[in-house]
Amino acid sequence: MQLFEELIVNVIDVRGSYYEIGLQQSQELLSIDQTQEKLLLELTNKSNVQMAKQLLQFHSPNLLQEMEGLAIGLAKPLDTVIKMYSGYTITFPDMGCTTFVQNGNYVRNYDFSPALYDARLVFSNPINGYASIGFSQQIIGRLDGMNECGLVVGLHFVNNECNDEGFIASTIVRILLEQCKNIEEALELISELPHGYCYNYSMTDQSGKALVVEASPQKQVTKYENPLMCTNHFETPAMKEKNKKIIEGSLKRKQYVKSLIEKNLNTMAAYQHFNNGNSPLFFKHYKEYFGTLHTVVYSPMLLEVVVGIGEDSEPITFSLKDYLNEALTLPKTLKGRINPVNEV
């Protein structure tokens, strides 16, 4: 008999100035699990707070203002908030992500552990940035998301052994979504940001173009693909040496996604191929930080998002247009189930 656990994702709506958005989110954090907060402090114990502050002031002063709001709302020193949530020189365990872009859809599974998962789907409408929807990490960051212009960006962990001072990928994804309206702007900005670790960034926009940026602290290499398939390894000759020693699982997932091309999947068919608990793309090794937590399909031309939490989840569709027009009633939570029994 299969034993499932419930996974609950909070749906968050934040609006206003970045400082006000920080204040709004601080109310959530007041009830955060203290164990998770302690873990975050341990993971960020080497963070160079002053450097993070300077870089945020230069590259994304809006996010710095958001953290100022968080600090006031939490009654914590700003330096502590920057240390915990800026994503600067923080080391996370390995994670997995699989993305497929075809027929104007960006479909993705995010694989990690519920213990370090924010479990937050954030609708954000800042005064001085692009509105967006995406799954958060460390409150400030985004694992994946789409903005009001149709730019979609997601992260794919590659290696944290080749590291330097810089931002983790979730902070970089958030900065791109807030400040860039298309792939061209995102490519220009991502080359200017300090990268702390090795990640792939998969992107598409309303033009239908799709690409992967293979990024390390030393350099970034761009490759255009359509259809696009992206997992957790570098492929270009200039970047392959920075892969982990064992990438067979990542290669196998990419090969399976490649087999989907000829199926010419529509939105819901793509969702089902990723969210089915028996799919080669769905994983249940949650204690090993490799269990599928959410499936999402971003459709930039329609500005629609299809979301499922856990496995075999009934898909829920949200319209970013309706959100912008204040015609969307958001649920407080999304619920799904995960089965951590089949672990190895």
C-alpha atoms as a PDB file:
ATOM      1  CA  MET A   1       0.000   0.000   0.000  1.00  0.00           C
ATOM      2  CA  GLN A   2       1.277   3.448  -0.929  1.00  0.00           C
ATOM      3  CA  LEU A   3       1.514   5.976   1.899  1.00  0.00           C
ATOM      4  CA  PHE A   4       1.213   9.566   0.712  1.00  0.00           C
ATOM      5  CA  GLU A   5       2.046  12.759   2.556  1.00  0.00           C
ATOM      6  CA  GLU A   6       0.204  15.999   1.907  1.00  0.00           C
ATOM      7  CA  LEU A   7       2.221  18.873   0.449  1.00  0.00           C
ATOM      8  CA  ILE A   8       0.692  22.335   0.886  1.00  0.00           C
ATOM      9  CA  VAL A   9       1.891  25.343  -1.116  1.00  0.00           C
ATOM     10  CA  ASN A  10       0.823  28.812  -0.011  1.00  0.00           C
ATOM     11  CA  VAL A  11      -0.389  31.195  -2.728  1.00  0.00           C
ATOM     12  CA  ILE A  12       0.934  34.679  -2.034  1.00  0.00           C
ATOM     13  CA  ASP A  13      -0.194  38.007  -3.514  1.00  0.00           C
ATOM     14  CA  VAL A  14       2.166  40.952  -2.914  1.00  0.00           C
ATOM     15  CA  ARG A  15       1.777  44.447  -4.348  1.00  0.00           C
ATOM     16  CA  GLY A  16       3.095  47.958  -3.940  1.00  0.00           C
ATOM     17  CA  SER A  17       6.576  49.334  -3.463  1.00  0.00           C
ATOM     18  CA  TYR A  18       9.367  46.843  -2.849  1.00  0.00           C
ATOM     19  CA  TYR A  19       9.614  48.031   0.743  1.00  0.00           C
ATOM     20  CA  GLU A  20       5.878  47.372   1.195  1.00  0.00           C
ATOM     21  CA  ILE A  21       6.256  43.929  -0.415  1.00  0.00           C
ATOM     22  CA  GLY A  22       8.987  43.153   2.099  1.00  0.00           C
ATOM     23  CA  LEU A  23       6.738  44.192   4.968  1.00  0.00           C
ATOM     24  CA  GLN A  24       3.892  42.060   3.618  1.00  0.00           C
ATOM     25  CA  GLN A  25       6.089  38.975   3.396  1.00  0.00           C
ATOM     26  CA  SER A  26       7.531  39.498   6.864  1.00  0.00           C
ATOM     27  CA  GLN A  27       4.153  38.571   8.331  1.00  0.00           C
ATOM     28  CA  GLU A  28       4.494  35.103   6.799  1.00  0.00           C
ATOM     29  CA  LEU A  29       7.990  34.667   8.163  1.00  0.00           C
ATOM     30  CA  LEU A  30       6.939  35.434  11.711  1.00  0.00           C
ATOM     31  CA  SER A  31       5.363  31.988  11.757  1.00  0.00           C
ATOM     32  CA  ILE A  32       8.207  30.176   9.969  1.00  0.00           C
ATOM     33  CA  ASP A  33       9.478  26.908  11.367  1.00  0.00           C
ATOM     34  CA  GLN A  34      12.419  27.803  13.615  1.00  0.00           C
ATOM     35  CA  THR A  35      14.222  24.652  12.471  1.00  0.00           C
ATOM     36  CA  GLN A  36      14.188  25.946   8.903  1.00  0.00           C
ATOM     37  CA  GLU A  37      15.422  29.355  10.020  1.00  0.00           C
ATOM     38  CA  LYS A  38      18.288  27.749  11.926  1.00  0.00           C
ATOM     39  CA  LEU A  39      19.192  25.707   8.839  1.00  0.00           C
ATOM     40  CA  LEU A  40      19.220  28.833   6.677  1.00  0.00           C
ATOM     41  CA  LEU A  41      21.578  30.549   9.101  1.00  0.00           C
ATOM     42  CA  GLU A  42      23.924  27.564   8.959  1.00  0.00           C
ATOM     43  CA  LEU A  43      23.869  27.504   5.149  1.00  0.00           C
ATOM     44  CA  THR A  44      24.681  31.214   4.990  1.00  0.00           C
ATOM     45  CA  ASN A  45      27.376  31.360   7.665  1.00  0.00           C
ATOM     46  CA  LYS A  46      30.048  32.317   5.117  1.00  0.00           C
ATOM     47  CA  SER A  47      28.037  35.037   3.427  1.00  0.00           C
ATOM     48  CA  ASN A  48      29.836  38.339   2.839  1.00  0.00           C
ATOM     49  CA  VAL A  49      26.994  40.629   3.857  1.00  0.00           C
ATOM     50  CA  GLN A  50      28.697  43.921   3.002  1.00  0.00           C
ATOM     51  CA  MET A  51      29.614  42.743  -0.479  1.00  0.00           C
ATOM     52  CA  ALA A  52      26.084  41.411  -0.998  1.00  0.00           C
ATOM     53  CA  LYS A  53      24.688  44.789   0.018  1.00  0.00           C
ATOM     54  CA  GLN A  54      26.961  46.647  -2.412  1.00  0.00           C
ATOM     55  CA  LEU A  55      26.130  44.324  -5.302  1.00  0.00           C
ATOM     56  CA  LEU A  56      22.399  44.527  -4.659  1.00  0.00           C
ATOM     57  CA  GLN A  57      22.603  48.308  -4.503  1.00  0.00           C
ATOM     58  CA  PHE A  58      24.281  48.284  -7.926  1.00  0.00           C
ATOM     59  CA  HIS A  59      22.402  45.497  -9.730  1.00  0.00           C
ATOM     60  CA  SER A  60      19.018  45.389  -7.988  1.00  0.00           C
ATOM     61  CA  PRO A  61      18.316  48.154  -5.470  1.00  0.00           C
ATOM     62  CA  ASN A  62      14.647  47.124  -5.533  1.00  0.00           C
ATOM     63  CA  LEU A  63      15.427  43.779  -3.918  1.00  0.00           C
ATOM     64  CA  LEU A  64      17.523  45.550  -1.303  1.00  0.00           C
ATOM     65  CA  GLN A  65      14.484  47.703  -0.488  1.00  0.00           C
ATOM     66  CA  GLU A  66      12.390  44.534  -0.212  1.00  0.00           C
ATOM     67  CA  MET A  67      14.851  43.147   2.323  1.00  0.00           C
ATOM     68  CA  GLU A  68      14.710  46.415   4.251  1.00  0.00           C
ATOM     69  CA  GLY A  69      10.956  45.895   4.537  1.00  0.00           C
ATOM     70  CA  LEU A  70      11.510  42.311   5.649  1.00  0.00           C
ATOM     71  CA  ALA A  71      13.975  43.464   8.293  1.00  0.00           C
ATOM     72  CA  ILE A  72      11.582  46.024   9.750  1.00  0.00           C
ATOM     73  CA  GLY A  73       8.667  43.597   9.749  1.00  0.00           C
ATOM     74  CA  LEU A  74      10.728  40.848  11.364  1.00  0.00           C
ATOM     75  CA  ALA A  75      12.438  43.208  13.827  1.00  0.00           C
ATOM     76  CA  LYS A  76      15.795  41.796  12.689  1.00  0.00           C
ATOM     77  CA  PRO A  77      18.985  43.606  11.679  1.00  0.00           C
ATOM     78  CA  LEU A  78      19.155  44.239   7.933  1.00  0.00           C
ATOM     79  CA  ASP A  79      22.505  42.424   7.786  1.00  0.00           C
ATOM     80  CA  THR A  80      20.876  39.259   9.148  1.00  0.00           C
ATOM     81  CA  VAL A  81      18.068  39.436   6.578  1.00  0.00           C
ATOM     82  CA  ILE A  82      20.554  39.968   3.723  1.00  0.00           C
ATOM     83  CA  LYS A  83      22.604  37.046   4.994  1.00  0.00           C
ATOM     84  CA  MET A  84      19.605  34.719   5.114  1.00  0.00           C
ATOM     85  CA  TYR A  85      17.628  35.742   2.037  1.00  0.00           C
ATOM     86  CA  SER A  86      19.814  37.493  -0.536  1.00  0.00           C
ATOM     87  CA  GLY A  87      21.238  34.243  -1.925  1.00  0.00           C
ATOM     88  CA  TYR A  88      24.789  35.583  -1.788  1.00  0.00           C
ATOM     89  CA  THR A  89      27.434  32.874  -1.149  1.00  0.00           C
ATOM     90  CA  ILE A  90      24.977  30.287   0.109  1.00  0.00           C
ATOM     91  CA  THR A  91      25.517  26.570  -0.485  1.00  0.00           C
ATOM     92  CA  PHE A  92      22.441  24.410  -1.084  1.00  0.00           C
ATOM     93  CA  PRO A  93      22.428  20.610  -1.536  1.00  0.00           C
ATOM     94  CA  ASP A  94      22.190  19.240  -5.073  1.00  0.00           C
ATOM     95  CA  MET A  95      18.791  19.597  -6.738  1.00  0.00           C
ATOM     96  CA  GLY A  96      17.253  18.467 -10.007  1.00  0.00           C
ATOM     97  CA  CYS A  97      15.107  20.171 -12.622  1.00  0.00           C
ATOM     98  CA  THR A  98      13.851  19.116 -16.040  1.00  0.00           C
ATOM     99  CA  THR A  99      12.498  21.592 -18.620  1.00  0.00           C
ATOM    100  CA  PHE A 100      10.982  21.155 -22.080  1.00  0.00           C
ATOM    101  CA  VAL A 101       9.990  24.042 -24.382  1.00  0.00           C
ATOM    102  CA  GLN A 102       7.828  23.293 -27.424  1.00  0.00           C
ATOM    103  CA  ASN A 103       4.726  24.752 -29.091  1.00  0.00           C
ATOM    104  CA  GLY A 104       4.917  27.918 -26.999  1.00  0.00           C
ATOM    105  CA  ASN A 105       4.897  26.017 -23.696  1.00  0.00           C
ATOM    106  CA  TYR A 106       7.630  25.867 -21.058  1.00  0.00           C
ATOM    107  CA  VAL A 107       6.991  22.759 -18.928  1.00  0.00           C
ATOM    108  CA  ARG A 108       9.125  21.950 -15.919  1.00  0.00           C
ATOM    109  CA  ASN A 109       9.504  19.661 -12.917  1.00  0.00           C
ATOM    110  CA  TYR A 110      11.341  20.894  -9.843  1.00  0.00           C
ATOM    111  CA  ASP A 111      13.032  18.152  -7.794  1.00  0.00           C
ATOM    112  CA  PHE A 112      14.325  18.789  -4.278  1.00  0.00           C
ATOM    113  CA  SER A 113      13.374  18.162  -0.635  1.00  0.00           C
ATOM    114  CA  PRO A 114      10.278  19.486   1.165  1.00  0.00           C
ATOM    115  CA  ALA A 115      12.572  20.335   4.108  1.00  0.00           C
ATOM    116  CA  LEU A 116      14.161  23.228   2.165  1.00  0.00           C
ATOM    117  CA  TYR A 117      11.223  24.068  -0.111  1.00  0.00           C
ATOM    118  CA  ASP A 118       9.544  27.428   0.445  1.00  0.00           C
ATOM    119  CA  ALA A 119       6.218  25.939  -0.729  1.00  0.00           C
ATOM    120  CA  ARG A 120       5.138  29.376  -1.976  1.00  0.00           C
ATOM    121  CA  LEU A 121       3.653  30.361  -5.354  1.00  0.00           C
ATOM    122  CA  VAL A 122       4.066  34.126  -5.476  1.00  0.00           C
ATOM    123  CA  PHE A 123       2.045  36.583  -7.534  1.00  0.00           C
ATOM    124  CA  SER A 124       3.980  39.845  -7.421  1.00  0.00           C
ATOM    125  CA  ASN A 125       2.977  43.256  -8.777  1.00  0.00           C
ATOM    126  CA  PRO A 126       5.648  45.781  -7.754  1.00  0.00           C
ATOM    127  CA  ILE A 127       5.402  49.468  -8.578  1.00  0.00           C
ATOM    128  CA  ASN A 128       8.885  49.695 -10.097  1.00  0.00           C
ATOM    129  CA  GLY A 129       9.284  46.267 -11.720  1.00  0.00           C
ATOM    130  CA  TYR A 130       7.511  43.766 -13.925  1.00  0.00           C
ATOM    131  CA  ALA A 131       4.676  41.774 -12.408  1.00  0.00           C
ATOM    132  CA  SER A 132       5.309  38.035 -12.289  1.00  0.00           C
ATOM    133  CA  ILE A 133       4.226  34.653 -11.028  1.00  0.00           C
ATOM    134  CA  GLY A 134       6.724  32.080  -9.793  1.00  0.00           C
ATOM    135  CA  PHE A 135       7.773  29.634  -7.107  1.00  0.00           C
ATOM    136  CA  SER A 136       9.960  31.252  -4.468  1.00  0.00           C
ATOM    137  CA  GLN A 137      13.131  30.097  -2.756  1.00  0.00           C
ATOM    138  CA  GLN A 138      14.439  31.870   0.364  1.00  0.00           C
ATOM    139  CA  ILE A 139      11.454  34.225  -0.022  1.00  0.00           C
ATOM    140  CA  ILE A 140      13.354  36.669  -2.252  1.00  0.00           C
ATOM    141  CA  GLY A 141      14.477  34.220  -4.945  1.00  0.00           C
ATOM    142  CA  ARG A 142      12.569  32.354  -7.651  1.00  0.00           C
ATOM    143  CA  LEU A 143      13.045  28.767  -8.790  1.00  0.00           C
ATOM    144  CA  ASP A 144      11.146  29.532 -11.973  1.00  0.00           C
ATOM    145  CA  GLY A 145       8.684  32.156 -13.123  1.00  0.00           C
ATOM    146  CA  MET A 146       7.059  34.228 -15.860  1.00  0.00           C
ATOM    147  CA  ASN A 147       6.632  37.991 -15.951  1.00  0.00           C
ATOM    148  CA  GLU A 148       3.948  40.191 -17.488  1.00  0.00           C
ATOM    149  CA  CYS A 149       5.964  40.559 -20.722  1.00  0.00           C
ATOM    150  CA  GLY A 150       6.065  36.791 -21.213  1.00  0.00           C
ATOM    151  CA  LEU A 151       9.698  36.225 -20.231  1.00  0.00           C
ATOM    152  CA  VAL A 152      10.060  32.791 -18.614  1.00  0.00           C
ATOM    153  CA  VAL A 153      13.188  31.762 -16.686  1.00  0.00           C
ATOM    154  CA  GLY A 154      14.025  28.632 -14.688  1.00  0.00           C
ATOM    155  CA  LEU A 155      17.155  27.369 -12.939  1.00  0.00           C
ATOM    156  CA  HIS A 156      18.915  23.995 -13.217  1.00  0.00           C
ATOM    157  CA  PHE A 157      21.623  23.082 -10.704  1.00  0.00           C
ATOM    158  CA  VAL A 158      24.876  21.788 -12.261  1.00  0.00           C
ATOM    159  CA  ASN A 159      27.685  21.962  -9.702  1.00  0.00           C
ATOM    160  CA  ASN A 160      28.497  23.831  -6.482  1.00  0.00           C
ATOM    161  CA  GLU A 161      32.129  22.734  -6.269  1.00  0.00           C
ATOM    162  CA  CYS A 162      33.236  25.315  -8.869  1.00  0.00           C
ATOM    163  CA  ASN A 163      32.212  28.345  -6.816  1.00  0.00           C
ATOM    164  CA  ASP A 164      33.153  31.921  -6.082  1.00  0.00           C
ATOM    165  CA  GLU A 165      31.559  34.880  -4.343  1.00  0.00           C
ATOM    166  CA  GLY A 166      28.297  35.647  -6.095  1.00  0.00           C
ATOM    167  CA  PHE A 167      24.547  35.084  -6.075  1.00  0.00           C
ATOM    168  CA  ILE A 168      22.785  31.746  -6.092  1.00  0.00           C
ATOM    169  CA  ALA A 169      20.631  31.061  -9.155  1.00  0.00           C
ATOM    170  CA  SER A 170      17.267  31.728  -7.476  1.00  0.00           C
ATOM    171  CA  THR A 171      18.250  35.355  -6.797  1.00  0.00           C
ATOM    172  CA  ILE A 172      19.449  35.729 -10.394  1.00  0.00           C
ATOM    173  CA  VAL A 173      16.155  34.338 -11.750  1.00  0.00           C
ATOM    174  CA  ARG A 174      14.240  36.861  -9.647  1.00  0.00           C
ATOM    175  CA  ILE A 175      16.359  39.784 -10.869  1.00  0.00           C
ATOM    176  CA  LEU A 176      15.848  38.772 -14.514  1.00  0.00           C
ATOM    177  CA  LEU A 177      12.078  38.462 -14.107  1.00  0.00           C
ATOM    178  CA  GLU A 178      11.796  41.822 -12.379  1.00  0.00           C
ATOM    179  CA  GLN A 179      13.957  43.800 -14.807  1.00  0.00           C
ATOM    180  CA  CYS A 180      13.854  42.160 -18.275  1.00  0.00           C
ATOM    181  CA  LYS A 181      11.037  42.062 -20.812  1.00  0.00           C
ATOM    182  CA  ASN A 182      12.558  39.526 -23.217  1.00  0.00           C
ATOM    183  CA  ILE A 183      15.412  37.111 -23.849  1.00  0.00           C
ATOM    184  CA  GLU A 184      17.703  39.784 -25.281  1.00  0.00           C
ATOM    185  CA  GLU A 185      17.491  41.930 -22.156  1.00  0.00           C
ATOM    186  CA  ALA A 186      17.886  38.866 -19.935  1.00  0.00           C
ATOM    187  CA  LEU A 187      21.045  37.798 -21.786  1.00  0.00           C
ATOM    188  CA  GLU A 188      22.586  41.221 -21.349  1.00  0.00           C
ATOM    189  CA  LEU A 189      21.795  41.397 -17.637  1.00  0.00           C
ATOM    190  CA  ILE A 190      22.762  37.821 -16.757  1.00  0.00           C
ATOM    191  CA  SER A 191      26.245  38.457 -18.149  1.00  0.00           C
ATOM    192  CA  GLU A 192      26.678  41.379 -15.738  1.00  0.00           C
ATOM    193  CA  LEU A 193      25.592  39.581 -12.549  1.00  0.00           C
ATOM    194  CA  PRO A 194      28.097  37.825 -10.262  1.00  0.00           C
ATOM    195  CA  HIS A 195      27.430  34.057 -10.347  1.00  0.00           C
ATOM    196  CA  GLY A 196      28.322  32.066  -7.267  1.00  0.00           C
ATOM    197  CA  TYR A 197      27.874  28.562  -8.689  1.00  0.00           C
ATOM    198  CA  CYS A 198      27.358  26.520 -11.863  1.00  0.00           C
ATOM    199  CA  TYR A 199      23.774  26.522 -13.134  1.00  0.00           C
ATOM    200  CA  ASN A 200      21.841  26.266 -16.373  1.00  0.00           C
ATOM    201  CA  TYR A 201      19.219  28.937 -16.986  1.00  0.00           C
ATOM    202  CA  SER A 202      16.480  27.932 -19.426  1.00  0.00           C
ATOM    203  CA  MET A 203      14.497  30.775 -21.001  1.00  0.00           C
ATOM    204  CA  THR A 204      11.776  31.553 -23.513  1.00  0.00           C
ATOM    205  CA  ASP A 205       9.585  34.553 -24.289  1.00  0.00           C
ATOM    206  CA  GLN A 206       6.685  35.667 -26.486  1.00  0.00           C
ATOM    207  CA  SER A 207       8.847  35.574 -29.606  1.00  0.00           C
ATOM    208  CA  GLY A 208       8.937  31.784 -29.357  1.00  0.00           C
ATOM    209  CA  LYS A 209      12.722  31.711 -29.098  1.00  0.00           C
ATOM    210  CA  ALA A 210      14.243  29.462 -26.452  1.00  0.00           C
ATOM    211  CA  LEU A 211      17.757  29.141 -25.058  1.00  0.00           C
ATOM    212  CA  VAL A 212      19.931  27.842 -22.271  1.00  0.00           C
ATOM    213  CA  VAL A 213      22.622  29.913 -20.580  1.00  0.00           C
ATOM    214  CA  GLU A 214      25.335  27.664 -19.154  1.00  0.00           C
ATOM    215  CA  ALA A 215      26.721  29.782 -16.339  1.00  0.00           C
ATOM    216  CA  SER A 216      29.674  29.476 -13.991  1.00  0.00           C
ATOM    217  CA  PRO A 217      31.392  32.117 -11.842  1.00  0.00           C
ATOM    218  CA  GLN A 218      33.990  32.523 -14.586  1.00  0.00           C
ATOM    219  CA  LYS A 219      31.895  32.696 -17.775  1.00  0.00           C
ATOM    220  CA  GLN A 220      28.533  32.144 -19.429  1.00  0.00           C
ATOM    221  CA  VAL A 221      27.840  30.366 -22.729  1.00  0.00           C
ATOM    222  CA  THR A 222      24.518  30.657 -24.579  1.00  0.00           C
ATOM    223  CA  LYS A 223      22.965  28.036 -26.833  1.00  0.00           C
ATOM    224  CA  TYR A 224      19.661  28.461 -28.690  1.00  0.00           C
ATOM    225  CA  GLU A 225      17.372  25.443 -29.098  1.00  0.00           C
ATOM    226  CA  ASN A 226      13.790  25.018 -30.220  1.00  0.00           C
ATOM    227  CA  PRO A 227      12.437  22.637 -29.072  1.00  0.00           C
ATOM    228  CA  LEU A 228      14.517  23.107 -25.934  1.00  0.00           C
ATOM    229  CA  MET A 229      15.456  20.403 -23.441  1.00  0.00           C
ATOM    230  CA  CYS A 230      17.396  21.231 -20.285  1.00  0.00           C
ATOM    231  CA  THR A 231      18.436  19.181 -17.279  1.00  0.00           C
ATOM    232  CA  ASN A 232      21.394  19.366 -14.874  1.00  0.00           C
ATOM    233  CA  HIS A 233      24.597  19.263 -16.895  1.00  0.00           C
ATOM    234  CA  PHE A 234      26.578  21.484 -19.255  1.00  0.00           C
ATOM    235  CA  GLU A 235      26.900  20.430 -22.899  1.00  0.00           C
ATOM    236  CA  THR A 236      29.050  23.004 -24.669  1.00  0.00           C
ATOM    237  CA  PRO A 237      32.752  22.159 -25.058  1.00  0.00           C
ATOM    238  CA  ALA A 238      33.723  25.297 -23.169  1.00  0.00           C
ATOM    239  CA  MET A 239      31.739  24.267 -20.063  1.00  0.00           C
ATOM    240  CA  LYS A 240      31.695  20.451 -19.918  1.00  0.00           C
ATOM    241  CA  GLU A 241      34.711  20.297 -17.616  1.00  0.00           C
ATOM    242  CA  LYS A 242      32.651  21.923 -14.858  1.00  0.00           C
ATOM    243  CA  ASN A 243      30.083  19.097 -14.722  1.00  0.00           C
ATOM    244  CA  LYS A 244      29.865  16.785 -11.752  1.00  0.00           C
ATOM    245  CA  LYS A 245      31.583  13.431 -12.239  1.00  0.00           C
ATOM    246  CA  ILE A 246      28.296  11.537 -12.339  1.00  0.00           C
ATOM    247  CA  ILE A 247      25.698  12.950 -14.745  1.00  0.00           C
ATOM    248  CA  GLU A 248      24.087   9.761 -16.038  1.00  0.00           C
ATOM    249  CA  GLY A 249      20.720  10.596 -14.479  1.00  0.00           C
ATOM    250  CA  SER A 250      20.687  14.041 -16.073  1.00  0.00           C
ATOM    251  CA  LEU A 251      21.643  12.584 -19.457  1.00  0.00           C
ATOM    252  CA  LYS A 252      18.907   9.951 -19.183  1.00  0.00           C
ATOM    253  CA  ARG A 253      16.237  12.550 -18.394  1.00  0.00           C
ATOM    254  CA  LYS A 254      17.280  14.690 -21.333  1.00  0.00           C
ATOM    255  CA  GLN A 255      17.151  11.683 -23.649  1.00  0.00           C
ATOM    256  CA  TYR A 256      13.604  10.924 -22.504  1.00  0.00           C
ATOM    257  CA  VAL A 257      12.515  14.533 -23.051  1.00  0.00           C
ATOM    258  CA  LYS A 258      14.007  14.358 -26.546  1.00  0.00           C
ATOM    259  CA  SER A 259      11.692  11.438 -27.278  1.00  0.00           C
ATOM    260  CA  LEU A 260       8.699  13.692 -26.568  1.00  0.00           C
ATOM    261  CA  ILE A 261       9.443  16.040 -29.463  1.00  0.00           C
ATOM    262  CA  GLU A 262       7.699  13.908 -32.076  1.00  0.00           C
ATOM    263  CA  LYS A 263       4.576  13.694 -29.910  1.00  0.00           C
ATOM    264  CA  ASN A 264       3.966  17.430 -30.517  1.00  0.00           C
ATOM    265  CA  LEU A 265       2.369  17.813 -27.091  1.00  0.00           C
ATOM    266  CA  ASN A 266      -0.245  20.428 -26.260  1.00  0.00           C
ATOM    267  CA  THR A 267      -0.287  22.166 -22.870  1.00  0.00           C
ATOM    268  CA  MET A 268      -2.171  19.561 -20.864  1.00  0.00           C
ATOM    269  CA  ALA A 269      -0.461  16.596 -22.517  1.00  0.00           C
ATOM    270  CA  ALA A 270       2.933  18.106 -21.658  1.00  0.00           C
ATOM    271  CA  TYR A 271       1.769  18.640 -18.088  1.00  0.00           C
ATOM    272  CA  GLN A 272       0.635  15.013 -17.770  1.00  0.00           C
ATOM    273  CA  HIS A 273       3.926  13.630 -19.132  1.00  0.00           C
ATOM    274  CA  PHE A 274       5.794  15.492 -16.388  1.00  0.00           C
ATOM    275  CA  ASN A 275       3.361  15.137 -13.479  1.00  0.00           C
ATOM    276  CA  ASN A 276       2.466  11.465 -13.788  1.00  0.00           C
ATOM    277  CA  GLY A 277       3.904   9.622 -10.788  1.00  0.00           C
ATOM    278  CA  ASN A 278       5.134   6.826 -13.055  1.00  0.00           C
ATOM    279  CA  SER A 279       6.866   9.152 -15.531  1.00  0.00           C
ATOM    280  CA  PRO A 280      10.650   8.821 -15.990  1.00  0.00           C
ATOM    281  CA  LEU A 281      10.691  12.556 -15.191  1.00  0.00           C
ATOM    282  CA  PHE A 282       8.969  12.212 -11.793  1.00  0.00           C
ATOM    283  CA  PHE A 283      11.145  11.304  -8.796  1.00  0.00           C
ATOM    284  CA  LYS A 284      10.385  10.275  -5.214  1.00  0.00           C
ATOM    285  CA  HIS A 285      13.789  10.382  -3.492  1.00  0.00           C
ATOM    286  CA  TYR A 286      12.827  13.241  -1.176  1.00  0.00           C
ATOM    287  CA  LYS A 287      15.292  12.478   1.610  1.00  0.00           C
ATOM    288  CA  GLU A 288      18.089  12.511  -0.963  1.00  0.00           C
ATOM    289  CA  TYR A 289      16.948  15.994  -2.133  1.00  0.00           C
ATOM    290  CA  PHE A 290      15.627  14.561  -5.385  1.00  0.00           C
ATOM    291  CA  GLY A 291      11.845  14.334  -5.190  1.00  0.00           C
ATOM    292  CA  THR A 292       9.465  16.148  -7.534  1.00  0.00           C
ATOM    293  CA  LEU A 293       7.695  18.939  -5.673  1.00  0.00           C
ATOM    294  CA  HIS A 294       5.905  20.848  -8.412  1.00  0.00           C
ATOM    295  CA  THR A 295       5.096  20.688 -12.102  1.00  0.00           C
ATOM    296  CA  VAL A 296       4.473  23.943 -13.941  1.00  0.00           C
ATOM    297  CA  VAL A 297       3.673  24.942 -17.525  1.00  0.00           C
ATOM    298  CA  TYR A 298       4.234  28.583 -18.464  1.00  0.00           C
ATOM    299  CA  SER A 299       2.584  29.758 -21.703  1.00  0.00           C
ATOM    300  CA  PRO A 300       4.080  33.187 -22.520  1.00  0.00           C
ATOM    301  CA  MET A 301       1.843  34.004 -25.498  1.00  0.00           C
ATOM    302  CA  LEU A 302      -1.286  33.466 -23.403  1.00  0.00           C
ATOM    303  CA  LEU A 303       0.289  34.663 -20.140  1.00  0.00           C
ATOM    304  CA  GLU A 304      -1.166  31.574 -18.497  1.00  0.00           C
ATOM    305  CA  VAL A 305       0.326  29.183 -15.952  1.00  0.00           C
ATOM    306  CA  VAL A 306      -0.699  25.589 -15.246  1.00  0.00           C
ATOM    307  CA  VAL A 307       0.392  24.296 -11.833  1.00  0.00           C
ATOM    308  CA  GLY A 308       0.370  20.961 -10.045  1.00  0.00           C
ATOM    309  CA  ILE A 309       1.758  20.139  -6.593  1.00  0.00           C
ATOM    310  CA  GLY A 310       3.172  16.675  -5.983  1.00  0.00           C
ATOM    311  CA  GLU A 311       2.274  13.715  -8.178  1.00  0.00           C
ATOM    312  CA  ASP A 312      -0.805  12.987 -10.307  1.00  0.00           C
ATOM    313  CA  SER A 313      -2.146  16.399  -9.339  1.00  0.00           C
ATOM    314  CA  GLU A 314      -5.249  17.951 -10.870  1.00  0.00           C
ATOM    315  CA  PRO A 315      -3.840  20.899 -12.861  1.00  0.00           C
ATOM    316  CA  ILE A 316      -4.882  24.437 -11.941  1.00  0.00           C
ATOM    317  CA  THR A 317      -4.646  27.254 -14.502  1.00  0.00           C
ATOM    318  CA  PHE A 318      -3.978  30.895 -13.625  1.00  0.00           C
ATOM    319  CA  SER A 319      -4.106  33.897 -15.955  1.00  0.00           C
ATOM    320  CA  LEU A 320      -1.474  36.552 -15.361  1.00  0.00           C
ATOM    321  CA  LYS A 321      -3.605  38.936 -17.457  1.00  0.00           C
ATOM    322  CA  ASP A 322      -6.525  38.452 -15.073  1.00  0.00           C
ATOM    323  CA  TYR A 323      -4.202  38.998 -12.134  1.00  0.00           C
ATOM    324  CA  LEU A 324      -3.003  42.307 -13.590  1.00  0.00           C
ATOM    325  CA  ASN A 325      -6.596  43.361 -14.218  1.00  0.00           C
ATOM    326  CA  GLU A 326      -7.520  42.391 -10.638  1.00  0.00           C
ATOM    327  CA  ALA A 327     -10.016  39.889 -12.053  1.00  0.00           C
ATOM    328  CA  LEU A 328      -8.374  36.795 -10.558  1.00  0.00           C
ATOM    329  CA  THR A 329      -9.460  35.304  -7.250  1.00  0.00           C
ATOM    330  CA  LEU A 330      -6.501  33.440  -5.818  1.00  0.00           C
ATOM    331  CA  PRO A 331      -6.822  30.412  -3.542  1.00  0.00           C
ATOM    332  CA  LYS A 332      -4.983  30.593  -0.243  1.00  0.00           C
ATOM    333  CA  THR A 333      -3.235  27.264  -0.821  1.00  0.00           C
ATOM    334  CA  LEU A 334      -2.583  24.570  -3.396  1.00  0.00           C
ATOM    335  CA  LYS A 335      -2.485  20.994  -2.167  1.00  0.00           C
ATOM    336  CA  GLY A 336      -0.873  17.865  -3.532  1.00  0.00           C
ATOM    337  CA  ARG A 337       0.620  14.622  -2.361  1.00  0.00           C
ATOM    338  CA  ILE A 338       4.057  13.101  -2.390  1.00  0.00           C
ATOM    339  CA  ASN A 339       5.020   9.498  -1.793  1.00  0.00           C
ATOM    340  CA  PRO A 340       8.448   9.263  -0.148  1.00  0.00           C
ATOM    341  CA  VAL A 341       8.146   5.513   0.419  1.00  0.00           C
ATOM    342  CA  ASN A 342       9.968   4.399  -2.727  1.00  0.00           C
ATOM    343  CA  GLU A 343      13.317   5.837  -1.675  1.00  0.00           C
ATOM    344  CA  VAL A 344      16.722   4.373  -2.339  1.00  0.00           C
END
